[in-house]
Amino acid sequence: MKAIAYLQFNGQAEEALNFYETALHARVKKVNFGVLPPDSSAPLTEDEQNMIMESSVEFEKNIIMISDVLPSMQAVTGEVAQGTNVIISIIDGDPESNKQYFENLSKDGTIIMPISSVPWSSSFGMLIDRFGVMWKFNSDASTFLDRLIN
């Protein structure tokens, strides 16, 4: 399990990835929202399908993860704005540990997405703790990108 910085964007993730790839001499892995099976209850526009769902910037044994936040998600998470687009992401943890930390951090906070199994992770959830810090849990963050890219 690791805690890493996770940068969120409002449609500029691809541009940010290109910048950080060059600036940090990094290796970039990325997946667009279009790789997910269509959901008839929440259809994505073509622009949204091309937005970055999950990505990693790997350099000098470090990782920064980056994604765009869909407009429909911003209705729940709040608008993505410069200066408020950094969250703490807990990646590659086992589902039981994720659940325990998630429950502890959500006390007196706001659960955005309850921790559960989703198509891209066996344990995924998002919350804002009582101090206003956003946390994202993804037990399969590294393997998800590798599985779809390789």
N, C-alpha and C. Protein backbone atom coordinates (compact mmCIF):
# COMPACT_ATOMS: atom_id res chain seq x y z
N MET A 1 0.84 -1.17 0.00
CA MET A 1 0.00 0.00 0.00
C MET A 1 0.89 1.24 0.00
N LYS A 2 0.46 2.25 -0.76
CA LYS A 2 1.19 3.52 -0.83
C LYS A 2 0.20 4.67 -0.80
N ALA A 3 0.64 5.80 -0.28
CA ALA A 3 -0.10 7.05 -0.38
C ALA A 3 0.64 7.92 -1.38
N ILE A 4 -0.10 8.45 -2.35
CA ILE A 4 0.52 9.24 -3.41
C ILE A 4 -0.30 10.50 -3.66
N ALA A 5 0.30 11.45 -4.35
CA ALA A 5 -0.44 12.63 -4.81
C ALA A 5 -1.24 12.25 -6.05
N TYR A 6 -2.46 12.75 -6.12
CA TYR A 6 -3.35 12.47 -7.24
C TYR A 6 -3.89 13.81 -7.71
N LEU A 7 -3.60 14.14 -8.97
CA LEU A 7 -4.02 15.43 -9.53
C LEU A 7 -5.27 15.23 -10.38
N GLN A 8 -6.26 16.09 -10.16
CA GLN A 8 -7.51 16.01 -10.91
C GLN A 8 -7.65 17.24 -11.80
N PHE A 9 -8.20 17.01 -13.00
CA PHE A 9 -8.35 18.09 -13.97
C PHE A 9 -9.75 18.10 -14.55
N ASN A 10 -10.08 19.22 -15.12
CA ASN A 10 -11.38 19.44 -15.75
C ASN A 10 -11.21 19.42 -17.27
N GLY A 11 -10.71 18.28 -17.79
CA GLY A 11 -10.51 18.15 -19.22
C GLY A 11 -9.10 18.46 -19.70
N GLN A 12 -8.19 18.83 -18.81
CA GLN A 12 -6.81 19.16 -19.19
C GLN A 12 -5.81 18.08 -18.81
N ALA A 13 -6.26 16.90 -18.41
CA ALA A 13 -5.34 15.86 -17.94
C ALA A 13 -4.35 15.45 -19.04
N GLU A 14 -4.81 15.31 -20.26
CA GLU A 14 -3.92 14.92 -21.36
C GLU A 14 -2.79 15.93 -21.52
N GLU A 15 -3.14 17.21 -21.49
CA GLU A 15 -2.14 18.28 -21.60
C GLU A 15 -1.16 18.21 -20.42
N ALA A 16 -1.68 18.01 -19.22
CA ALA A 16 -0.82 17.90 -18.03
C ALA A 16 0.11 16.70 -18.14
N LEU A 17 -0.41 15.56 -18.62
CA LEU A 17 0.42 14.36 -18.77
C LEU A 17 1.57 14.62 -19.73
N ASN A 18 1.30 15.28 -20.85
CA ASN A 18 2.36 15.59 -21.81
C ASN A 18 3.42 16.48 -21.18
N PHE A 19 2.98 17.47 -20.42
CA PHE A 19 3.91 18.38 -19.75
C PHE A 19 4.78 17.63 -18.74
N TYR A 20 4.15 16.86 -17.84
CA TYR A 20 4.91 16.16 -16.80
C TYR A 20 5.81 15.06 -17.38
N GLU A 21 5.37 14.44 -18.45
CA GLU A 21 6.19 13.42 -19.09
C GLU A 21 7.52 14.02 -19.55
N THR A 22 7.45 15.20 -20.15
CA THR A 22 8.66 15.87 -20.62
C THR A 22 9.46 16.47 -19.46
N ALA A 23 8.77 17.18 -18.59
CA ALA A 23 9.45 17.89 -17.51
C ALA A 23 10.16 16.94 -16.54
N LEU A 24 9.56 15.77 -16.32
CA LEU A 24 10.12 14.83 -15.33
C LEU A 24 10.83 13.64 -15.98
N HIS A 25 10.95 13.67 -17.31
CA HIS A 25 11.54 12.53 -18.03
C HIS A 25 10.86 11.24 -17.57
N ALA A 26 9.55 11.27 -17.60
CA ALA A 26 8.74 10.22 -16.99
C ALA A 26 8.19 9.24 -18.01
N ARG A 27 7.73 8.11 -17.49
CA ARG A 27 6.98 7.13 -18.26
C ARG A 27 5.51 7.33 -17.90
N VAL A 28 4.67 7.50 -18.91
CA VAL A 28 3.25 7.75 -18.69
C VAL A 28 2.44 6.54 -19.14
N LYS A 29 1.50 6.15 -18.30
CA LYS A 29 0.49 5.15 -18.65
C LYS A 29 -0.86 5.85 -18.51
N LYS A 30 -1.77 5.59 -19.46
CA LYS A 30 -3.06 6.28 -19.38
C LYS A 30 -4.18 5.45 -20.00
N VAL A 31 -5.38 5.67 -19.47
CA VAL A 31 -6.59 5.01 -19.95
C VAL A 31 -7.69 6.07 -20.01
N ASN A 32 -8.44 6.06 -21.10
CA ASN A 32 -9.55 7.00 -21.27
C ASN A 32 -10.85 6.38 -20.75
N PHE A 33 -11.84 7.22 -20.43
CA PHE A 33 -13.14 6.73 -19.97
C PHE A 33 -13.81 5.83 -21.01
N GLY A 34 -13.49 6.00 -22.28
CA GLY A 34 -14.10 5.22 -23.34
C GLY A 34 -13.81 3.72 -23.27
N VAL A 35 -12.85 3.30 -22.46
CA VAL A 35 -12.55 1.86 -22.35
C VAL A 35 -13.60 1.12 -21.51
N LEU A 36 -14.37 1.87 -20.72
CA LEU A 36 -15.39 1.23 -19.90
C LEU A 36 -16.60 0.86 -20.77
N PRO A 37 -17.27 -0.22 -20.42
CA PRO A 37 -18.50 -0.55 -21.14
C PRO A 37 -19.51 0.58 -20.98
N PRO A 38 -20.27 0.89 -22.02
CA PRO A 38 -21.26 1.98 -21.93
C PRO A 38 -22.28 1.70 -20.82
N ASP A 39 -22.70 2.76 -20.16
CA ASP A 39 -23.72 2.69 -19.12
C ASP A 39 -24.92 3.49 -19.59
N SER A 40 -26.01 2.82 -19.93
CA SER A 40 -27.17 3.50 -20.49
C SER A 40 -27.79 4.50 -19.51
N SER A 41 -27.56 4.31 -18.20
CA SER A 41 -28.12 5.25 -17.23
C SER A 41 -27.27 6.52 -17.10
N ALA A 42 -26.02 6.47 -17.59
CA ALA A 42 -25.13 7.64 -17.54
C ALA A 42 -24.25 7.65 -18.79
N PRO A 43 -24.86 7.88 -19.96
CA PRO A 43 -24.06 7.86 -21.20
C PRO A 43 -23.04 8.99 -21.24
N LEU A 44 -21.88 8.70 -21.82
CA LEU A 44 -20.81 9.68 -21.94
C LEU A 44 -20.80 10.26 -23.34
N THR A 45 -20.54 11.56 -23.44
CA THR A 45 -20.36 12.18 -24.75
C THR A 45 -19.03 11.71 -25.33
N GLU A 46 -18.80 11.98 -26.59
CA GLU A 46 -17.52 11.61 -27.20
C GLU A 46 -16.36 12.31 -26.51
N ASP A 47 -16.54 13.59 -26.17
CA ASP A 47 -15.48 14.32 -25.45
C ASP A 47 -15.19 13.66 -24.11
N GLU A 48 -16.23 13.25 -23.38
CA GLU A 48 -16.04 12.60 -22.09
C GLU A 48 -15.36 11.25 -22.23
N GLN A 49 -15.69 10.50 -23.27
CA GLN A 49 -15.05 9.21 -23.52
C GLN A 49 -13.55 9.38 -23.76
N ASN A 50 -13.15 10.53 -24.30
CA ASN A 50 -11.73 10.78 -24.59
C ASN A 50 -10.98 11.36 -23.39
N MET A 51 -11.69 11.72 -22.33
CA MET A 51 -11.04 12.25 -21.14
C MET A 51 -10.26 11.14 -20.44
N ILE A 52 -9.26 11.53 -19.66
CA ILE A 52 -8.40 10.57 -18.95
C ILE A 52 -9.12 10.07 -17.70
N MET A 53 -9.34 8.75 -17.65
CA MET A 53 -9.97 8.13 -16.48
C MET A 53 -8.95 7.87 -15.39
N GLU A 54 -7.79 7.38 -15.78
CA GLU A 54 -6.74 7.01 -14.82
C GLU A 54 -5.42 7.07 -15.57
N SER A 55 -4.40 7.58 -14.91
CA SER A 55 -3.07 7.60 -15.52
C SER A 55 -2.02 7.67 -14.42
N SER A 56 -0.81 7.30 -14.80
CA SER A 56 0.30 7.43 -13.86
C SER A 56 1.49 8.05 -14.58
N VAL A 57 2.23 8.86 -13.83
CA VAL A 57 3.47 9.47 -14.29
C VAL A 57 4.55 8.89 -13.38
N GLU A 58 5.41 8.05 -13.96
CA GLU A 58 6.42 7.35 -13.16
C GLU A 58 7.79 7.94 -13.46
N PHE A 59 8.49 8.35 -12.39
CA PHE A 59 9.82 8.93 -12.54
C PHE A 59 10.60 8.72 -11.25
N GLU A 60 11.87 8.34 -11.39
CA GLU A 60 12.78 8.20 -10.24
C GLU A 60 12.13 7.43 -9.07
N LYS A 61 11.47 6.33 -9.36
CA LYS A 61 10.80 5.49 -8.36
C LYS A 61 9.64 6.21 -7.66
N ASN A 62 9.10 7.24 -8.29
CA ASN A 62 7.95 7.97 -7.76
C ASN A 62 6.78 7.84 -8.73
N ILE A 63 5.58 8.04 -8.20
CA ILE A 63 4.38 8.00 -9.03
C ILE A 63 3.48 9.17 -8.65
N ILE A 64 2.98 9.85 -9.66
CA ILE A 64 1.89 10.81 -9.51
C ILE A 64 0.77 10.26 -10.39
N MET A 65 -0.43 10.25 -9.89
CA MET A 65 -1.56 9.80 -10.70
C MET A 65 -2.39 11.01 -11.08
N ILE A 66 -3.00 10.92 -12.27
CA ILE A 66 -3.73 12.06 -12.84
C ILE A 66 -4.99 11.55 -13.51
N SER A 67 -6.08 12.32 -13.38
CA SER A 67 -7.29 12.01 -14.13
C SER A 67 -8.08 13.29 -14.37
N ASP A 68 -9.01 13.18 -15.33
CA ASP A 68 -10.03 14.20 -15.50
C ASP A 68 -11.20 13.81 -14.62
N VAL A 69 -11.98 14.78 -14.20
CA VAL A 69 -13.20 14.50 -13.45
C VAL A 69 -14.37 14.87 -14.36
N LEU A 70 -15.18 13.88 -14.67
CA LEU A 70 -16.33 14.10 -15.54
C LEU A 70 -17.25 15.16 -14.96
N PRO A 71 -17.92 15.95 -15.81
CA PRO A 71 -18.87 16.95 -15.29
C PRO A 71 -19.92 16.33 -14.36
N SER A 72 -20.40 15.13 -14.68
CA SER A 72 -21.40 14.49 -13.81
C SER A 72 -20.82 14.18 -12.43
N MET A 73 -19.53 13.84 -12.36
CA MET A 73 -18.90 13.59 -11.05
C MET A 73 -18.67 14.89 -10.29
N GLN A 74 -18.40 15.98 -11.01
CA GLN A 74 -18.18 17.25 -10.33
C GLN A 74 -19.43 17.73 -9.62
N ALA A 75 -20.60 17.27 -10.08
CA ALA A 75 -21.84 17.60 -9.38
C ALA A 75 -21.83 16.99 -7.97
N VAL A 76 -21.07 15.90 -7.79
CA VAL A 76 -20.99 15.21 -6.50
C VAL A 76 -19.76 15.66 -5.72
N THR A 77 -18.60 15.73 -6.40
CA THR A 77 -17.33 16.02 -5.72
C THR A 77 -17.06 17.50 -5.54
N GLY A 78 -17.75 18.33 -6.31
CA GLY A 78 -17.47 19.76 -6.34
C GLY A 78 -16.63 20.07 -7.56
N GLU A 79 -16.67 21.29 -7.97
CA GLU A 79 -15.96 21.72 -9.17
C GLU A 79 -14.45 21.59 -8.99
N VAL A 80 -13.79 21.10 -10.03
CA VAL A 80 -12.33 21.01 -10.03
C VAL A 80 -11.79 22.40 -10.38
N ALA A 81 -10.97 22.93 -9.51
CA ALA A 81 -10.40 24.26 -9.72
C ALA A 81 -8.92 24.22 -9.37
N GLN A 82 -8.16 25.04 -10.07
CA GLN A 82 -6.73 25.11 -9.79
C GLN A 82 -6.52 25.45 -8.32
N GLY A 83 -5.66 24.66 -7.67
CA GLY A 83 -5.38 24.87 -6.26
C GLY A 83 -6.17 23.94 -5.36
N THR A 84 -7.24 23.34 -5.88
CA THR A 84 -8.04 22.39 -5.09
C THR A 84 -8.11 21.04 -5.79
N ASN A 85 -7.20 20.82 -6.72
CA ASN A 85 -7.29 19.61 -7.54
C ASN A 85 -6.31 18.52 -7.12
N VAL A 86 -5.76 18.62 -5.91
CA VAL A 86 -4.84 17.59 -5.41
C VAL A 86 -5.55 16.81 -4.32
N ILE A 87 -5.54 15.48 -4.45
CA ILE A 87 -6.12 14.63 -3.43
C ILE A 87 -5.08 13.60 -2.99
N ILE A 88 -5.35 12.92 -1.90
CA ILE A 88 -4.48 11.83 -1.46
C ILE A 88 -5.11 10.53 -1.93
N SER A 89 -4.34 9.73 -2.62
CA SER A 89 -4.84 8.47 -3.14
C SER A 89 -4.09 7.32 -2.48
N ILE A 90 -4.84 6.38 -1.95
CA ILE A 90 -4.28 5.16 -1.36
C ILE A 90 -4.40 4.09 -2.43
N ILE A 91 -3.25 3.63 -2.93
CA ILE A 91 -3.28 2.67 -4.04
C ILE A 91 -2.71 1.32 -3.63
N ASP A 92 -3.20 0.30 -4.30
CA ASP A 92 -2.65 -1.06 -4.20
C ASP A 92 -2.73 -1.65 -2.79
N GLY A 93 -3.66 -1.20 -1.99
CA GLY A 93 -3.87 -1.78 -0.67
C GLY A 93 -4.85 -2.93 -0.74
N ASP A 94 -4.80 -3.81 0.24
CA ASP A 94 -5.76 -4.92 0.21
C ASP A 94 -7.14 -4.39 0.61
N PRO A 95 -8.20 -4.98 0.08
CA PRO A 95 -9.55 -4.47 0.31
C PRO A 95 -9.93 -4.33 1.80
N GLU A 96 -9.49 -5.23 2.64
CA GLU A 96 -9.84 -5.15 4.06
C GLU A 96 -9.19 -3.93 4.72
N SER A 97 -7.91 -3.68 4.41
CA SER A 97 -7.23 -2.48 4.95
C SER A 97 -7.89 -1.22 4.41
N ASN A 98 -8.20 -1.21 3.10
CA ASN A 98 -8.88 -0.06 2.52
C ASN A 98 -10.17 0.25 3.27
N LYS A 99 -10.95 -0.79 3.54
CA LYS A 99 -12.23 -0.61 4.22
C LYS A 99 -12.03 -0.01 5.61
N GLN A 100 -11.04 -0.49 6.34
CA GLN A 100 -10.78 0.01 7.68
C GLN A 100 -10.36 1.48 7.66
N TYR A 101 -9.40 1.81 6.79
CA TYR A 101 -8.94 3.20 6.70
C TYR A 101 -10.07 4.11 6.22
N PHE A 102 -10.83 3.63 5.23
CA PHE A 102 -11.95 4.41 4.69
C PHE A 102 -12.95 4.74 5.80
N GLU A 103 -13.33 3.73 6.59
CA GLU A 103 -14.28 3.95 7.68
C GLU A 103 -13.72 4.94 8.70
N ASN A 104 -12.45 4.80 9.03
CA ASN A 104 -11.83 5.72 10.02
C ASN A 104 -11.80 7.15 9.51
N LEU A 105 -11.40 7.34 8.25
CA LEU A 105 -11.27 8.68 7.69
C LEU A 105 -12.63 9.34 7.42
N SER A 106 -13.66 8.53 7.20
CA SER A 106 -14.97 9.10 6.87
C SER A 106 -15.75 9.57 8.09
N LYS A 107 -15.28 9.26 9.30
CA LYS A 107 -15.98 9.72 10.52
C LYS A 107 -16.05 11.24 10.51
N ASP A 108 -17.25 11.77 10.63
CA ASP A 108 -17.51 13.21 10.60
C ASP A 108 -17.14 13.85 9.27
N GLY A 109 -16.97 13.03 8.22
CA GLY A 109 -16.66 13.53 6.89
C GLY A 109 -17.83 13.26 5.95
N THR A 110 -17.54 13.29 4.66
CA THR A 110 -18.55 13.07 3.63
C THR A 110 -18.10 11.95 2.70
N ILE A 111 -18.90 10.93 2.59
CA ILE A 111 -18.59 9.85 1.66
C ILE A 111 -19.11 10.24 0.28
N ILE A 112 -18.21 10.29 -0.68
CA ILE A 112 -18.57 10.63 -2.06
C ILE A 112 -18.98 9.37 -2.81
N MET A 113 -18.18 8.34 -2.67
CA MET A 113 -18.47 7.05 -3.29
C MET A 113 -18.10 5.98 -2.28
N PRO A 114 -19.09 5.25 -1.77
CA PRO A 114 -18.78 4.22 -0.76
C PRO A 114 -17.76 3.21 -1.28
N ILE A 115 -16.96 2.70 -0.39
CA ILE A 115 -15.95 1.72 -0.80
C ILE A 115 -16.65 0.44 -1.21
N SER A 116 -16.33 -0.02 -2.43
CA SER A 116 -16.99 -1.21 -2.97
C SER A 116 -16.18 -1.72 -4.15
N SER A 117 -16.61 -2.85 -4.65
CA SER A 117 -16.01 -3.41 -5.85
C SER A 117 -16.66 -2.74 -7.07
N VAL A 118 -15.84 -2.31 -8.00
CA VAL A 118 -16.30 -1.67 -9.24
C VAL A 118 -15.57 -2.33 -10.41
N PRO A 119 -15.99 -2.08 -11.65
CA PRO A 119 -15.35 -2.78 -12.78
C PRO A 119 -13.84 -2.61 -12.87
N TRP A 120 -13.29 -1.51 -12.35
CA TRP A 120 -11.85 -1.27 -12.49
C TRP A 120 -11.07 -1.56 -11.20
N SER A 121 -11.75 -1.92 -10.12
CA SER A 121 -11.04 -2.16 -8.86
C SER A 121 -11.87 -3.04 -7.93
N SER A 122 -11.19 -3.93 -7.23
CA SER A 122 -11.88 -4.77 -6.25
C SER A 122 -12.23 -3.99 -5.00
N SER A 123 -11.65 -2.80 -4.83
CA SER A 123 -11.92 -1.97 -3.65
C SER A 123 -11.67 -0.51 -4.02
N PHE A 124 -12.74 0.25 -4.26
CA PHE A 124 -12.63 1.63 -4.69
C PHE A 124 -13.62 2.48 -3.88
N GLY A 125 -13.18 3.66 -3.46
CA GLY A 125 -14.07 4.59 -2.78
C GLY A 125 -13.45 5.96 -2.68
N MET A 126 -14.30 6.97 -2.44
CA MET A 126 -13.83 8.35 -2.30
C MET A 126 -14.56 9.01 -1.15
N LEU A 127 -13.83 9.86 -0.42
CA LEU A 127 -14.44 10.59 0.69
C LEU A 127 -13.72 11.91 0.89
N ILE A 128 -14.39 12.80 1.60
CA ILE A 128 -13.76 14.04 2.07
C ILE A 128 -13.77 13.95 3.59
N ASP A 129 -12.58 14.04 4.20
CA ASP A 129 -12.51 13.89 5.65
C ASP A 129 -13.01 15.17 6.35
N ARG A 130 -13.07 15.13 7.64
CA ARG A 130 -13.64 16.25 8.40
C ARG A 130 -12.83 17.53 8.28
N PHE A 131 -11.61 17.44 7.73
CA PHE A 131 -10.78 18.63 7.54
C PHE A 131 -10.84 19.15 6.10
N GLY A 132 -11.70 18.54 5.27
CA GLY A 132 -11.86 18.97 3.88
C GLY A 132 -10.87 18.35 2.91
N VAL A 133 -10.12 17.34 3.35
CA VAL A 133 -9.15 16.67 2.47
C VAL A 133 -9.84 15.51 1.76
N MET A 134 -9.70 15.46 0.43
CA MET A 134 -10.29 14.38 -0.34
C MET A 134 -9.34 13.19 -0.39
N TRP A 135 -9.90 11.99 -0.18
CA TRP A 135 -9.16 10.73 -0.22
C TRP A 135 -9.80 9.83 -1.26
N LYS A 136 -8.95 9.11 -2.00
CA LYS A 136 -9.41 8.16 -3.00
C LYS A 136 -8.70 6.83 -2.74
N PHE A 137 -9.44 5.75 -2.69
CA PHE A 137 -8.89 4.41 -2.46
C PHE A 137 -9.07 3.59 -3.73
N ASN A 138 -8.01 2.92 -4.17
CA ASN A 138 -8.08 2.07 -5.36
C ASN A 138 -7.10 0.92 -5.16
N SER A 139 -7.62 -0.23 -4.80
CA SER A 139 -6.74 -1.37 -4.50
C SER A 139 -6.06 -1.93 -5.74
N ASP A 140 -6.56 -1.59 -6.92
CA ASP A 140 -6.00 -2.16 -8.16
C ASP A 140 -5.48 -1.08 -9.11
N ALA A 141 -5.05 0.05 -8.58
CA ALA A 141 -4.63 1.17 -9.44
C ALA A 141 -3.51 0.79 -10.39
N SER A 142 -2.47 0.15 -9.90
CA SER A 142 -1.33 -0.19 -10.76
C SER A 142 -1.68 -1.28 -11.76
N THR A 143 -2.36 -2.32 -11.30
CA THR A 143 -2.66 -3.43 -12.20
C THR A 143 -3.71 -3.04 -13.24
N PHE A 144 -4.62 -2.12 -12.90
CA PHE A 144 -5.63 -1.67 -13.85
C PHE A 144 -4.99 -1.05 -15.08
N LEU A 145 -4.06 -0.12 -14.85
CA LEU A 145 -3.38 0.52 -15.98
C LEU A 145 -2.57 -0.50 -16.77
N ASP A 146 -1.82 -1.34 -16.08
CA ASP A 146 -0.99 -2.33 -16.78
C ASP A 146 -1.85 -3.30 -17.60
N ARG A 147 -2.98 -3.70 -17.04
CA ARG A 147 -3.86 -4.66 -17.71
C ARG A 147 -4.42 -4.07 -19.02
N LEU A 148 -4.78 -2.81 -19.01
CA LEU A 148 -5.39 -2.21 -20.19
C LEU A 148 -4.37 -1.72 -21.22
N ILE A 149 -3.18 -1.42 -20.77
CA ILE A 149 -2.17 -0.89 -21.68
C ILE A 149 -1.37 -2.00 -22.34
N ASN A 150 -1.05 -3.04 -21.60
CA ASN A 150 -0.19 -4.11 -22.14
C ASN A 150 -0.96 -5.17 -22.86
